[in-house]
């Protein structure tokens, strides 16, 4: 198995008043004084946050808390269709391409 590209801590941000999950907070692991990043629900953009306690609920504007932080790993994407040298018999499509060229 390959080594992770990025390791971070992630926790849900929940409202004390209505229980709505406003988004997630991510903090890079192993970096001292790392900036917390907040990603709202149904949004692709991440915004920097000074502290997770400064966040407000997106529904009722109430105070929020973070659930227990979990360790998450991000791995590099693997392209299985990449044509790289391999051992053994070549795939049929490559053999046909080579026959057409030669």
N, C-alpha and C. Protein backbone atom coordinates (compact mmCIF):
# COMPACT_ATOMS: atom_id res chain seq x y z
N UNK A 1 0.85 -1.18 0.00
CA UNK A 1 0.00 0.00 0.00
C UNK A 1 0.89 1.24 0.00
N UNK A 2 0.45 2.26 -0.70
CA UNK A 2 1.25 3.47 -0.80
C UNK A 2 1.05 4.36 0.42
N UNK A 3 2.01 5.23 0.63
CA UNK A 3 1.95 6.16 1.76
C UNK A 3 0.96 7.27 1.46
N UNK A 4 0.26 7.79 2.48
CA UNK A 4 -0.69 8.87 2.24
C UNK A 4 0.01 10.15 1.82
N UNK A 5 -0.66 10.92 0.97
CA UNK A 5 -0.14 12.20 0.51
C UNK A 5 -0.33 13.24 1.59
N UNK A 6 -1.47 13.17 2.28
CA UNK A 6 -1.81 14.17 3.29
C UNK A 6 -2.53 13.48 4.44
N UNK A 7 -2.20 13.87 5.66
CA UNK A 7 -2.88 13.38 6.86
C UNK A 7 -3.44 14.58 7.60
N UNK A 8 -4.71 14.53 7.95
CA UNK A 8 -5.35 15.66 8.63
C UNK A 8 -6.38 15.16 9.63
N UNK A 9 -6.78 16.06 10.54
CA UNK A 9 -7.83 15.78 11.51
C UNK A 9 -9.11 16.44 11.01
N UNK A 10 -10.24 15.76 11.16
CA UNK A 10 -11.50 16.29 10.67
C UNK A 10 -12.59 16.08 11.71
N UNK A 11 -13.45 17.09 11.88
CA UNK A 11 -14.57 16.99 12.81
C UNK A 11 -15.78 17.72 12.25
N UNK A 12 -16.99 17.21 12.56
CA UNK A 12 -18.22 17.88 12.16
C UNK A 12 -18.46 19.09 13.06
N UNK A 13 -19.04 20.13 12.49
CA UNK A 13 -19.42 21.32 13.25
C UNK A 13 -20.94 21.28 13.41
N UNK A 14 -21.41 21.15 14.68
CA UNK A 14 -22.84 21.02 14.97
C UNK A 14 -23.32 22.19 15.80
N UNK A 15 -24.62 22.49 15.67
CA UNK A 15 -25.24 23.60 16.39
C UNK A 15 -25.76 23.10 17.74
N UNK A 16 -25.55 23.89 18.80
CA UNK A 16 -26.08 23.58 20.12
C UNK A 16 -27.61 23.70 20.15
N UNK A 17 -28.15 24.63 19.40
CA UNK A 17 -29.58 24.95 19.48
C UNK A 17 -30.45 24.04 18.62
N UNK A 18 -30.13 23.92 17.34
CA UNK A 18 -31.00 23.15 16.43
C UNK A 18 -30.42 21.81 16.02
N UNK A 19 -29.14 21.54 16.30
CA UNK A 19 -28.52 20.25 15.97
C UNK A 19 -28.11 20.12 14.52
N UNK A 20 -28.21 21.19 13.75
CA UNK A 20 -27.84 21.18 12.33
C UNK A 20 -26.33 21.03 12.17
N UNK A 21 -25.91 20.21 11.21
CA UNK A 21 -24.49 20.08 10.89
C UNK A 21 -24.16 21.13 9.84
N UNK A 22 -23.37 22.11 10.22
CA UNK A 22 -23.04 23.22 9.32
C UNK A 22 -21.92 22.89 8.35
N UNK A 23 -21.05 21.96 8.70
CA UNK A 23 -19.94 21.61 7.83
C UNK A 23 -18.89 20.83 8.59
N UNK A 24 -17.66 20.86 8.09
CA UNK A 24 -16.55 20.16 8.74
C UNK A 24 -15.36 21.10 8.91
N UNK A 25 -14.58 20.84 9.95
CA UNK A 25 -13.34 21.57 10.20
C UNK A 25 -12.20 20.60 9.97
N UNK A 26 -11.19 21.06 9.22
CA UNK A 26 -10.01 20.23 8.94
C UNK A 26 -8.76 20.95 9.42
N UNK A 27 -7.86 20.20 10.06
CA UNK A 27 -6.59 20.74 10.54
C UNK A 27 -5.50 19.77 10.10
N UNK A 28 -4.46 20.28 9.43
CA UNK A 28 -3.34 19.43 9.03
C UNK A 28 -2.65 18.88 10.26
N UNK A 29 -2.33 17.60 10.21
CA UNK A 29 -1.71 16.93 11.34
C UNK A 29 -0.20 17.01 11.21
N UNK A 30 0.47 17.22 12.33
CA UNK A 30 1.92 17.24 12.34
C UNK A 30 2.53 18.60 12.05
N UNK A 31 1.69 19.59 11.79
CA UNK A 31 2.19 20.94 11.54
C UNK A 31 1.83 21.80 12.74
N UNK A 32 2.82 22.34 13.45
CA UNK A 32 2.50 23.18 14.61
C UNK A 32 1.79 24.47 14.19
N UNK A 33 0.79 24.88 14.96
CA UNK A 33 0.01 26.09 14.70
C UNK A 33 -0.61 26.11 13.31
N UNK A 34 -1.11 24.95 12.87
CA UNK A 34 -1.73 24.85 11.55
C UNK A 34 -3.06 25.59 11.55
N UNK A 35 -3.39 26.18 10.42
CA UNK A 35 -4.64 26.91 10.27
C UNK A 35 -5.79 25.93 10.09
N UNK A 36 -6.89 26.17 10.79
CA UNK A 36 -8.09 25.35 10.63
C UNK A 36 -8.82 25.80 9.37
N UNK A 37 -9.31 24.85 8.61
CA UNK A 37 -10.06 25.14 7.40
C UNK A 37 -11.49 24.65 7.58
N UNK A 38 -12.48 25.50 7.28
CA UNK A 38 -13.89 25.15 7.41
C UNK A 38 -14.49 24.96 6.03
N UNK A 39 -15.19 23.84 5.85
CA UNK A 39 -15.88 23.57 4.59
C UNK A 39 -17.36 23.42 4.91
N UNK A 40 -18.17 24.35 4.41
CA UNK A 40 -19.61 24.34 4.67
C UNK A 40 -20.28 23.20 3.91
N UNK A 41 -21.45 22.79 4.40
CA UNK A 41 -22.23 21.75 3.74
C UNK A 41 -22.66 22.26 2.37
N UNK A 42 -22.64 21.40 1.36
CA UNK A 42 -23.01 21.72 -0.03
C UNK A 42 -22.16 22.84 -0.62
N UNK A 43 -20.89 22.89 -0.24
CA UNK A 43 -19.97 23.89 -0.79
C UNK A 43 -18.63 23.22 -1.07
N UNK A 44 -17.96 23.68 -2.10
CA UNK A 44 -16.65 23.15 -2.43
C UNK A 44 -15.52 24.02 -1.88
N UNK A 45 -15.84 25.26 -1.51
CA UNK A 45 -14.82 26.19 -1.05
C UNK A 45 -14.51 25.98 0.43
N UNK A 46 -13.23 26.09 0.77
CA UNK A 46 -12.79 26.03 2.16
C UNK A 46 -12.33 27.42 2.59
N UNK A 47 -12.68 27.80 3.81
CA UNK A 47 -12.27 29.10 4.33
C UNK A 47 -11.44 28.90 5.59
N UNK A 48 -10.45 29.77 5.78
CA UNK A 48 -9.61 29.69 6.98
C UNK A 48 -10.39 30.22 8.18
N UNK A 49 -10.18 29.56 9.34
CA UNK A 49 -10.89 29.92 10.57
C UNK A 49 -9.86 30.06 11.68
N UNK A 50 -9.99 31.10 12.49
CA UNK A 50 -9.06 31.28 13.61
C UNK A 50 -9.22 30.18 14.64
N UNK A 51 -10.46 29.94 15.06
CA UNK A 51 -10.75 28.85 15.98
C UNK A 51 -12.13 28.30 15.67
N UNK A 52 -12.33 27.00 15.81
CA UNK A 52 -13.65 26.42 15.51
C UNK A 52 -14.77 26.97 16.38
N UNK A 53 -14.44 27.51 17.55
CA UNK A 53 -15.49 28.06 18.42
C UNK A 53 -16.06 29.37 17.89
N UNK A 54 -15.39 30.01 16.94
CA UNK A 54 -15.88 31.27 16.37
C UNK A 54 -16.93 31.05 15.28
N UNK A 55 -17.16 29.80 14.88
CA UNK A 55 -18.13 29.51 13.83
C UNK A 55 -19.55 29.61 14.37
N UNK A 56 -20.49 29.99 13.50
CA UNK A 56 -21.91 30.08 13.85
C UNK A 56 -22.70 29.14 12.95
N UNK A 57 -23.86 28.72 13.43
CA UNK A 57 -24.73 27.82 12.67
C UNK A 57 -25.23 28.52 11.41
N UNK A 58 -25.25 27.79 10.30
CA UNK A 58 -25.71 28.36 9.04
C UNK A 58 -27.23 28.48 8.98
N UNK A 59 -27.93 27.71 9.80
CA UNK A 59 -29.39 27.73 9.78
C UNK A 59 -29.96 28.78 10.73
N UNK A 60 -29.56 28.73 12.03
CA UNK A 60 -30.18 29.60 13.04
C UNK A 60 -29.21 30.63 13.63
N UNK A 61 -27.96 30.63 13.17
CA UNK A 61 -26.93 31.54 13.66
C UNK A 61 -26.60 31.32 15.15
N UNK A 62 -26.84 30.10 15.63
CA UNK A 62 -26.54 29.76 17.02
C UNK A 62 -25.09 29.36 17.19
N UNK A 63 -24.70 29.15 18.45
CA UNK A 63 -23.32 28.74 18.73
C UNK A 63 -23.12 27.27 18.34
N UNK A 64 -21.89 26.93 18.00
CA UNK A 64 -21.59 25.58 17.51
C UNK A 64 -20.52 24.91 18.34
N UNK A 65 -20.39 23.60 18.15
CA UNK A 65 -19.32 22.83 18.76
C UNK A 65 -18.83 21.82 17.75
N UNK A 66 -17.63 21.29 17.97
CA UNK A 66 -17.08 20.28 17.07
C UNK A 66 -17.18 18.92 17.72
N UNK A 67 -17.54 17.94 16.91
CA UNK A 67 -17.53 16.56 17.38
C UNK A 67 -16.08 16.13 17.59
N UNK A 68 -15.92 14.90 17.94
CA UNK A 68 -14.59 14.35 18.16
C UNK A 68 -13.81 14.34 16.84
N UNK A 69 -12.56 14.78 16.90
CA UNK A 69 -11.71 14.81 15.70
C UNK A 69 -11.30 13.39 15.33
N UNK A 70 -11.31 13.10 14.03
CA UNK A 70 -10.89 11.80 13.51
C UNK A 70 -9.71 12.01 12.56
N UNK A 71 -8.79 11.06 12.55
CA UNK A 71 -7.64 11.12 11.65
C UNK A 71 -8.08 10.63 10.28
N UNK A 72 -7.82 11.43 9.25
CA UNK A 72 -8.15 11.08 7.87
C UNK A 72 -6.88 11.09 7.04
N UNK A 73 -6.83 10.22 6.04
CA UNK A 73 -5.68 10.13 5.13
C UNK A 73 -6.17 10.38 3.71
N UNK A 74 -5.38 11.11 2.96
CA UNK A 74 -5.67 11.38 1.55
C UNK A 74 -4.57 10.72 0.73
N UNK A 75 -4.97 9.90 -0.23
CA UNK A 75 -4.01 9.18 -1.05
C UNK A 75 -4.01 9.73 -2.47
N UNK A 76 -2.93 9.51 -3.18
CA UNK A 76 -2.83 9.94 -4.58
C UNK A 76 -3.77 9.09 -5.42
N UNK A 77 -4.36 9.73 -6.42
CA UNK A 77 -5.26 8.99 -7.32
C UNK A 77 -4.43 8.09 -8.23
N UNK A 78 -4.94 6.88 -8.45
CA UNK A 78 -4.25 5.92 -9.30
C UNK A 78 -5.03 5.80 -10.61
N UNK A 79 -4.33 5.94 -11.72
CA UNK A 79 -4.95 5.80 -13.03
C UNK A 79 -4.64 4.39 -13.54
N UNK A 80 -5.67 3.53 -13.51
CA UNK A 80 -5.47 2.14 -13.91
C UNK A 80 -5.36 1.98 -15.42
N UNK A 81 -5.78 2.99 -16.17
CA UNK A 81 -5.70 2.90 -17.63
C UNK A 81 -4.40 3.45 -18.18
N UNK A 82 -3.52 3.89 -17.30
CA UNK A 82 -2.23 4.44 -17.72
C UNK A 82 -1.41 3.34 -18.39
N UNK A 83 -0.83 3.67 -19.55
CA UNK A 83 -0.01 2.70 -20.27
C UNK A 83 1.42 2.77 -19.76
N UNK A 84 1.73 1.95 -18.83
CA UNK A 84 3.10 1.87 -18.32
C UNK A 84 3.62 0.47 -18.57
N UNK A 85 4.92 0.30 -18.64
CA UNK A 85 5.47 -1.03 -18.91
C UNK A 85 5.08 -2.01 -17.80
N UNK A 86 4.65 -3.17 -18.24
CA UNK A 86 4.28 -4.22 -17.29
C UNK A 86 4.89 -5.53 -17.73
N UNK A 87 4.92 -6.44 -16.81
CA UNK A 87 5.42 -7.78 -17.13
C UNK A 87 4.29 -8.59 -17.75
N UNK A 88 4.66 -9.56 -18.57
CA UNK A 88 3.67 -10.47 -19.14
C UNK A 88 3.17 -10.03 -20.49
N UNK A 89 2.11 -10.67 -20.92
CA UNK A 89 1.54 -10.42 -22.24
C UNK A 89 0.86 -9.05 -22.26
N UNK A 90 1.05 -8.27 -23.34
CA UNK A 90 0.43 -6.95 -23.41
C UNK A 90 -1.09 -7.08 -23.62
N UNK A 91 -1.84 -6.08 -23.20
CA UNK A 91 -3.29 -6.11 -23.43
C UNK A 91 -3.59 -6.16 -24.92
N UNK A 92 -4.76 -6.68 -25.26
CA UNK A 92 -5.15 -6.88 -26.65
C UNK A 92 -5.15 -5.57 -27.42
N UNK A 93 -5.62 -4.48 -26.81
CA UNK A 93 -5.69 -3.21 -27.51
C UNK A 93 -4.30 -2.69 -27.88
N UNK A 94 -3.31 -2.92 -27.00
CA UNK A 94 -1.94 -2.49 -27.32
C UNK A 94 -1.34 -3.35 -28.43
N UNK A 95 -1.63 -4.65 -28.42
CA UNK A 95 -1.10 -5.53 -29.47
C UNK A 95 -1.68 -5.13 -30.82
N UNK A 96 -2.98 -4.78 -30.86
CA UNK A 96 -3.60 -4.36 -32.12
C UNK A 96 -3.03 -3.03 -32.61
N UNK A 97 -2.75 -2.10 -31.69
CA UNK A 97 -2.15 -0.82 -32.07
C UNK A 97 -0.78 -1.03 -32.67
N UNK A 98 0.01 -1.89 -32.08
CA UNK A 98 1.37 -2.15 -32.56
C UNK A 98 1.34 -2.83 -33.93
N UNK A 99 0.39 -3.72 -34.16
CA UNK A 99 0.28 -4.39 -35.44
C UNK A 99 -0.09 -3.40 -36.54
N UNK A 100 -0.94 -2.42 -36.21
CA UNK A 100 -1.38 -1.44 -37.19
C UNK A 100 -0.26 -0.47 -37.56
N UNK A 101 0.62 -0.17 -36.60
CA UNK A 101 1.73 0.77 -36.83
C UNK A 101 2.83 0.11 -37.62
N UNK A 102 3.17 -1.12 -37.29
CA UNK A 102 4.32 -1.79 -37.89
C UNK A 102 4.05 -2.29 -39.27
